[in-house]
Amino acid sequence: MELRDGVQHGTVISNEATIYFDTNDPIITPAWSNTVDLLAPVSAVDGLPVFTTDTLFTVSWSGTDDGAGIEYYDIFYTSGR
């Protein structure tokens, strides 16, 4: 699904509904809101030495996402063998 043309980052879209089943009383749903987040998160691994003989070393990273925040990182690695 795509956004309509002209929808801007940060736009809040809210919706609610009234559901009717036969002759029962209507069910009114609570309002639900979503905020349009058009900005991708940014992350990077902190620099490492070009060469090391150490068998243990620390790898660290950071990131930002002003729209939704970052809940977690998925980290993948290979031993290079």
Protein backbone atom coordinates (compact mmCIF):
# COMPACT_ATOMS: atom_id res chain seq x y z
CA MET A 1 0.00 0.00 0.00
CA GLU A 2 1.31 3.43 -0.85
CA LEU A 3 0.58 6.84 0.61
CA ARG A 4 -1.34 9.44 -1.30
CA ASP A 5 0.76 12.09 -3.00
CA GLY A 6 1.64 14.99 -0.74
CA VAL A 7 1.41 13.17 2.62
CA GLN A 8 4.23 14.60 4.75
CA HIS A 9 6.51 13.01 7.34
CA GLY A 10 4.92 13.30 10.78
CA THR A 11 1.32 13.35 9.51
CA VAL A 12 -1.02 11.67 12.02
CA ILE A 13 -3.75 9.49 10.51
CA SER A 14 -6.60 8.57 12.88
CA ASN A 15 -9.59 6.34 12.38
CA GLU A 16 -12.46 4.77 14.28
CA ALA A 17 -15.46 2.71 13.29
CA THR A 18 -18.97 1.72 14.31
CA ILE A 19 -19.79 -1.94 13.62
CA TYR A 20 -23.37 -3.11 13.17
CA PHE A 21 -24.40 -6.79 13.47
CA ASP A 22 -28.02 -7.52 12.70
CA THR A 23 -30.24 -5.99 15.41
CA ASN A 24 -27.55 -5.90 18.14
CA ASP A 25 -26.33 -2.65 19.62
CA PRO A 26 -23.54 -1.09 17.56
CA ILE A 27 -19.93 -1.67 18.62
CA ILE A 28 -17.92 1.54 18.63
CA THR A 29 -14.20 0.95 18.22
CA PRO A 30 -11.69 3.16 19.98
CA ALA A 31 -9.83 5.70 17.87
CA TRP A 32 -6.53 4.40 16.44
CA SER A 33 -3.74 6.64 15.23
CA ASN A 34 -0.65 6.06 13.11
CA THR A 35 2.08 8.60 12.44
CA VAL A 36 3.67 8.64 8.98
CA ASP A 37 7.43 8.03 9.29
CA LEU A 38 9.13 8.66 5.96
CA LEU A 39 12.67 8.94 7.33
CA ALA A 40 14.78 5.77 7.40
CA PRO A 41 16.81 4.98 10.50
CA VAL A 42 20.56 5.51 10.37
CA SER A 43 23.10 3.15 11.96
CA ALA A 44 26.81 2.48 11.74
CA VAL A 45 29.47 0.21 13.20
CA ASP A 46 32.20 2.12 15.02
CA GLY A 47 35.61 1.94 13.36
CA LEU A 48 37.86 -1.11 13.77
CA PRO A 49 41.60 -1.49 13.21
CA VAL A 50 42.53 -2.50 9.67
CA PHE A 51 44.56 -5.40 11.08
CA THR A 52 44.78 -7.10 14.47
CA THR A 53 46.28 -10.29 15.87
CA ASP A 54 43.96 -10.24 18.89
CA THR A 55 41.44 -13.06 19.00
CA LEU A 56 39.03 -11.00 21.09
CA PHE A 57 38.00 -7.44 20.35
CA THR A 58 35.02 -5.21 21.01
CA VAL A 59 32.60 -4.27 18.26
CA SER A 60 30.21 -1.39 18.94
CA TRP A 61 27.57 0.42 16.94
CA SER A 62 25.03 3.18 17.27
CA GLY A 63 22.00 4.50 15.46
CA THR A 64 19.17 7.01 15.48
CA ASP A 65 15.62 7.17 14.24
CA ASP A 66 13.88 10.41 15.11
CA GLY A 67 10.49 9.12 13.93
CA ALA A 68 9.97 5.75 15.57
CA GLY A 69 13.13 5.10 17.54
CA ILE A 70 15.21 1.92 17.39
CA GLU A 71 13.88 -1.05 19.33
CA TYR A 72 16.71 -3.50 18.58
CA TYR A 73 19.57 -4.31 16.23
CA ASP A 74 20.07 -7.55 14.28
CA ILE A 75 23.78 -8.32 14.09
CA PHE A 76 25.24 -10.72 11.51
CA TYR A 77 28.88 -11.73 11.25
CA THR A 78 31.20 -14.15 9.50
CA SER A 79 34.53 -15.48 10.65
CA GLY A 80 36.02 -14.88 7.20
CA ARG A 81 37.21 -18.49 6.94
